[in-house]
Amino acid sequence: MKYYGLFGNLVAKSGKGDELASILLDASKILSNSKGCRQYIVSKDLKDEDCIWINEIWDSIEDHHDSLKMDVVKELISKAIPILAKPPEKGFEMEVIGGKGI
């Protein structure tokens, strides 16, 4: 089976990286029970503490899009937007074909 993958980062305003990471970790807990979510990994950049990387794997792009419509996810997005240093950019989309953890 092939999966939809999304890999990207968000950059927080100076000194807000931990706060952003906390919001994204809350998202990972919520999404762990969402339809089609295989993986939602949050990582802090070793060279920039305000840069947070997110690696997502979903059964389909539709499952990913549906997750963004959830009220609780919209609420987390609204908490994150004010602390971002720049607008979010589209991450790298991938076709995940296998490997450890899938």
N, C-alpha and C. Protein backbone atom coordinates (compact mmCIF):
# COMPACT_ATOMS: atom_id res chain seq x y z
N MET A 1 0.83 -1.18 0.00
CA MET A 1 0.00 0.00 0.00
C MET A 1 0.88 1.25 0.00
N LYS A 2 0.47 2.26 -0.71
CA LYS A 2 1.18 3.53 -0.75
C LYS A 2 0.44 4.54 0.11
N TYR A 3 1.18 5.44 0.72
CA TYR A 3 0.62 6.41 1.64
C TYR A 3 0.97 7.82 1.19
N TYR A 4 0.23 8.79 1.73
CA TYR A 4 0.50 10.20 1.49
C TYR A 4 1.42 10.70 2.60
N GLY A 5 2.51 11.33 2.22
CA GLY A 5 3.44 11.88 3.19
C GLY A 5 3.59 13.38 3.02
N LEU A 6 3.77 14.05 4.13
CA LEU A 6 3.98 15.50 4.13
C LEU A 6 5.08 15.81 5.12
N PHE A 7 6.10 16.53 4.66
CA PHE A 7 7.25 16.87 5.50
C PHE A 7 7.51 18.35 5.35
N GLY A 8 7.53 19.05 6.45
CA GLY A 8 7.77 20.48 6.39
C GLY A 8 8.11 21.05 7.75
N ASN A 9 8.26 22.37 7.79
CA ASN A 9 8.58 23.00 9.06
C ASN A 9 7.79 24.28 9.25
N LEU A 10 7.73 24.67 10.49
CA LEU A 10 7.16 25.95 10.88
C LEU A 10 8.21 26.66 11.71
N VAL A 11 8.32 27.97 11.53
CA VAL A 11 9.30 28.75 12.27
C VAL A 11 8.57 29.71 13.19
N ALA A 12 8.86 29.59 14.48
CA ALA A 12 8.23 30.44 15.48
C ALA A 12 9.00 31.75 15.61
N LYS A 13 8.32 32.74 16.16
CA LYS A 13 9.00 33.98 16.51
C LYS A 13 10.08 33.65 17.54
N SER A 14 11.09 34.50 17.62
CA SER A 14 12.22 34.27 18.50
C SER A 14 11.78 33.92 19.93
N GLY A 15 12.28 32.79 20.41
CA GLY A 15 11.98 32.36 21.76
C GLY A 15 10.67 31.62 21.92
N LYS A 16 9.93 31.41 20.84
CA LYS A 16 8.61 30.77 20.90
C LYS A 16 8.62 29.33 20.37
N GLY A 17 9.80 28.79 20.11
CA GLY A 17 9.90 27.44 19.55
C GLY A 17 9.29 26.38 20.45
N ASP A 18 9.55 26.46 21.76
CA ASP A 18 9.00 25.47 22.67
C ASP A 18 7.47 25.54 22.71
N GLU A 19 6.93 26.74 22.66
CA GLU A 19 5.48 26.92 22.66
C GLU A 19 4.87 26.31 21.39
N LEU A 20 5.50 26.57 20.26
CA LEU A 20 5.03 26.00 19.01
C LEU A 20 5.13 24.48 19.04
N ALA A 21 6.24 23.96 19.53
CA ALA A 21 6.40 22.52 19.63
C ALA A 21 5.31 21.90 20.50
N SER A 22 4.97 22.56 21.59
CA SER A 22 3.92 22.07 22.48
C SER A 22 2.56 22.00 21.77
N ILE A 23 2.25 23.02 20.99
CA ILE A 23 1.00 23.02 20.23
C ILE A 23 0.98 21.86 19.24
N LEU A 24 2.10 21.65 18.57
CA LEU A 24 2.18 20.57 17.58
C LEU A 24 2.15 19.19 18.23
N LEU A 25 2.72 19.08 19.43
CA LEU A 25 2.63 17.81 20.15
C LEU A 25 1.19 17.53 20.59
N ASP A 26 0.46 18.59 20.95
CA ASP A 26 -0.97 18.43 21.24
C ASP A 26 -1.69 17.93 20.00
N ALA A 27 -1.34 18.48 18.85
CA ALA A 27 -1.94 18.03 17.59
C ALA A 27 -1.64 16.55 17.35
N SER A 28 -0.42 16.13 17.65
CA SER A 28 -0.06 14.73 17.42
C SER A 28 -0.91 13.80 18.28
N LYS A 29 -1.23 14.22 19.50
CA LYS A 29 -2.07 13.39 20.37
C LYS A 29 -3.48 13.29 19.80
N ILE A 30 -4.00 14.40 19.34
CA ILE A 30 -5.35 14.42 18.76
C ILE A 30 -5.39 13.58 17.49
N LEU A 31 -4.40 13.76 16.65
CA LEU A 31 -4.40 13.08 15.35
C LEU A 31 -4.07 11.60 15.45
N SER A 32 -3.51 11.18 16.58
CA SER A 32 -3.16 9.76 16.71
C SER A 32 -4.39 8.87 16.60
N ASN A 33 -5.56 9.41 16.86
CA ASN A 33 -6.80 8.64 16.74
C ASN A 33 -7.61 9.02 15.51
N SER A 34 -7.06 9.85 14.66
CA SER A 34 -7.79 10.30 13.47
C SER A 34 -7.71 9.26 12.37
N LYS A 35 -8.77 9.19 11.59
CA LYS A 35 -8.82 8.25 10.48
C LYS A 35 -7.66 8.49 9.52
N GLY A 36 -6.90 7.45 9.28
CA GLY A 36 -5.86 7.51 8.27
C GLY A 36 -4.51 8.04 8.72
N CYS A 37 -4.39 8.51 9.96
CA CYS A 37 -3.11 9.05 10.42
C CYS A 37 -2.20 7.90 10.85
N ARG A 38 -1.11 7.71 10.13
CA ARG A 38 -0.14 6.66 10.43
C ARG A 38 1.02 7.18 11.27
N GLN A 39 1.35 8.47 11.05
CA GLN A 39 2.50 9.03 11.75
C GLN A 39 2.38 10.53 11.79
N TYR A 40 2.71 11.13 12.92
CA TYR A 40 2.76 12.58 13.06
C TYR A 40 3.90 12.85 14.04
N ILE A 41 5.05 13.15 13.49
CA ILE A 41 6.27 13.30 14.28
C ILE A 41 6.65 14.78 14.34
N VAL A 42 6.93 15.25 15.54
CA VAL A 42 7.33 16.65 15.76
C VAL A 42 8.78 16.64 16.23
N SER A 43 9.62 17.45 15.58
CA SER A 43 11.05 17.50 15.91
C SER A 43 11.52 18.95 15.97
N LYS A 44 12.47 19.19 16.85
CA LYS A 44 13.08 20.51 16.95
C LYS A 44 14.39 20.52 16.17
N ASP A 45 14.59 21.52 15.36
CA ASP A 45 15.82 21.68 14.58
C ASP A 45 16.99 21.88 15.54
N LEU A 46 18.08 21.15 15.33
CA LEU A 46 19.25 21.27 16.21
C LEU A 46 20.00 22.59 16.03
N LYS A 47 19.81 23.24 14.90
CA LYS A 47 20.53 24.49 14.63
C LYS A 47 19.69 25.73 14.89
N ASP A 48 18.38 25.55 15.01
CA ASP A 48 17.48 26.69 15.20
C ASP A 48 16.33 26.26 16.11
N GLU A 49 16.38 26.66 17.37
CA GLU A 49 15.40 26.20 18.36
C GLU A 49 13.99 26.70 18.08
N ASP A 50 13.83 27.64 17.18
CA ASP A 50 12.50 28.14 16.84
C ASP A 50 11.94 27.50 15.57
N CYS A 51 12.69 26.58 14.98
CA CYS A 51 12.24 25.87 13.79
C CYS A 51 11.80 24.46 14.19
N ILE A 52 10.54 24.16 13.92
CA ILE A 52 9.95 22.88 14.29
C ILE A 52 9.57 22.14 13.01
N TRP A 53 10.02 20.90 12.91
CA TRP A 53 9.76 20.06 11.74
C TRP A 53 8.62 19.09 12.04
N ILE A 54 7.80 18.84 11.06
CA ILE A 54 6.68 17.93 11.19
C ILE A 54 6.73 16.92 10.04
N ASN A 55 6.65 15.65 10.39
CA ASN A 55 6.65 14.58 9.40
C ASN A 55 5.35 13.81 9.58
N GLU A 56 4.51 13.83 8.56
CA GLU A 56 3.20 13.19 8.63
C GLU A 56 3.09 12.10 7.57
N ILE A 57 2.44 11.00 7.94
CA ILE A 57 2.11 9.95 6.98
C ILE A 57 0.64 9.60 7.19
N TRP A 58 -0.10 9.62 6.09
CA TRP A 58 -1.54 9.37 6.08
C TRP A 58 -1.87 8.29 5.07
N ASP A 59 -3.00 7.62 5.31
CA ASP A 59 -3.46 6.64 4.32
C ASP A 59 -3.73 7.31 2.99
N SER A 60 -4.23 8.55 3.03
CA SER A 60 -4.53 9.27 1.79
C SER A 60 -4.47 10.77 2.02
N ILE A 61 -4.35 11.51 0.95
CA ILE A 61 -4.36 12.98 1.04
C ILE A 61 -5.73 13.45 1.55
N GLU A 62 -6.77 12.72 1.23
CA GLU A 62 -8.11 13.09 1.69
C GLU A 62 -8.20 12.99 3.21
N ASP A 63 -7.59 11.95 3.80
CA ASP A 63 -7.58 11.83 5.26
C ASP A 63 -6.86 13.02 5.89
N HIS A 64 -5.76 13.43 5.27
CA HIS A 64 -5.03 14.60 5.77
C HIS A 64 -5.91 15.84 5.71
N HIS A 65 -6.53 16.08 4.56
CA HIS A 65 -7.40 17.25 4.41
C HIS A 65 -8.57 17.22 5.39
N ASP A 66 -9.14 16.04 5.61
CA ASP A 66 -10.25 15.92 6.57
C ASP A 66 -9.81 16.28 7.98
N SER A 67 -8.57 15.95 8.33
CA SER A 67 -8.08 16.27 9.68
C SER A 67 -8.04 17.77 9.92
N LEU A 68 -7.78 18.53 8.86
CA LEU A 68 -7.69 19.98 8.99
C LEU A 68 -9.07 20.63 9.19
N LYS A 69 -10.12 19.87 8.96
CA LYS A 69 -11.48 20.38 9.15
C LYS A 69 -12.00 20.16 10.57
N MET A 70 -11.27 19.41 11.37
CA MET A 70 -11.70 19.13 12.75
C MET A 70 -11.62 20.41 13.58
N ASP A 71 -12.66 20.67 14.37
CA ASP A 71 -12.69 21.89 15.19
C ASP A 71 -11.50 22.00 16.12
N VAL A 72 -11.12 20.90 16.75
CA VAL A 72 -10.00 20.93 17.69
C VAL A 72 -8.68 21.24 16.97
N VAL A 73 -8.54 20.77 15.75
CA VAL A 73 -7.34 21.08 14.96
C VAL A 73 -7.35 22.54 14.54
N LYS A 74 -8.50 23.03 14.12
CA LYS A 74 -8.62 24.45 13.77
C LYS A 74 -8.25 25.33 14.97
N GLU A 75 -8.65 24.91 16.16
CA GLU A 75 -8.33 25.66 17.38
C GLU A 75 -6.82 25.71 17.61
N LEU A 76 -6.15 24.58 17.42
CA LEU A 76 -4.69 24.54 17.59
C LEU A 76 -4.00 25.41 16.54
N ILE A 77 -4.51 25.37 15.31
CA ILE A 77 -3.94 26.22 14.25
C ILE A 77 -4.07 27.69 14.65
N SER A 78 -5.21 28.05 15.19
CA SER A 78 -5.42 29.46 15.58
C SER A 78 -4.50 29.86 16.74
N LYS A 79 -4.07 28.91 17.56
CA LYS A 79 -3.11 29.20 18.63
C LYS A 79 -1.70 29.35 18.07
N ALA A 80 -1.40 28.61 17.01
CA ALA A 80 -0.05 28.61 16.45
C ALA A 80 0.23 29.83 15.57
N ILE A 81 -0.75 30.25 14.79
CA ILE A 81 -0.55 31.32 13.81
C ILE A 81 0.07 32.58 14.42
N PRO A 82 -0.41 33.08 15.56
CA PRO A 82 0.16 34.32 16.10
C PRO A 82 1.62 34.24 16.54
N ILE A 83 2.12 33.04 16.79
CA ILE A 83 3.51 32.94 17.24
C ILE A 83 4.47 32.56 16.12
N LEU A 84 3.97 32.43 14.89
CA LEU A 84 4.83 32.10 13.76
C LEU A 84 5.59 33.34 13.30
N ALA A 85 6.85 33.13 12.93
CA ALA A 85 7.69 34.21 12.44
C ALA A 85 7.38 34.55 10.98
N LYS A 86 6.81 33.58 10.28
CA LYS A 86 6.46 33.78 8.87
C LYS A 86 5.29 32.87 8.55
N PRO A 87 4.54 33.18 7.51
CA PRO A 87 3.40 32.33 7.14
C PRO A 87 3.86 30.91 6.81
N PRO A 88 3.02 29.94 7.13
CA PRO A 88 3.37 28.55 6.78
C PRO A 88 3.51 28.39 5.27
N GLU A 89 4.46 27.57 4.88
CA GLU A 89 4.64 27.24 3.47
C GLU A 89 4.25 25.79 3.27
N LYS A 90 3.84 25.47 2.05
CA LYS A 90 3.49 24.09 1.73
C LYS A 90 4.72 23.22 1.93
N GLY A 91 4.55 22.12 2.64
CA GLY A 91 5.66 21.19 2.86
C GLY A 91 5.91 20.34 1.63
N PHE A 92 6.84 19.43 1.77
CA PHE A 92 7.15 18.50 0.69
C PHE A 92 6.14 17.35 0.74
N GLU A 93 5.44 17.14 -0.37
CA GLU A 93 4.51 16.03 -0.46
C GLU A 93 5.23 14.83 -1.04
N MET A 94 4.90 13.65 -0.51
CA MET A 94 5.58 12.44 -0.94
C MET A 94 4.60 11.29 -1.07
N GLU A 95 4.99 10.32 -1.86
CA GLU A 95 4.30 9.04 -1.90
C GLU A 95 5.17 8.10 -1.07
N VAL A 96 4.69 7.72 0.09
CA VAL A 96 5.43 6.85 0.99
C VAL A 96 5.15 5.41 0.57
N ILE A 97 6.22 4.68 0.28
CA ILE A 97 6.06 3.33 -0.26
C ILE A 97 6.43 2.23 0.72
N GLY A 98 6.98 2.57 1.89
CA GLY A 98 7.29 1.55 2.88
C GLY A 98 8.45 1.93 3.74
N GLY A 99 8.81 1.02 4.62
CA GLY A 99 9.93 1.21 5.53
C GLY A 99 9.52 0.92 6.96
N LYS A 100 10.48 0.99 7.85
CA LYS A 100 10.23 0.72 9.26
C LYS A 100 9.27 1.75 9.82
N GLY A 101 8.30 1.30 10.58
CA GLY A 101 7.33 2.21 11.19
C GLY A 101 6.05 2.36 10.41
N ILE A 102 5.98 1.79 9.24
CA ILE A 102 4.76 1.87 8.42
C ILE A 102 4.09 0.51 8.44
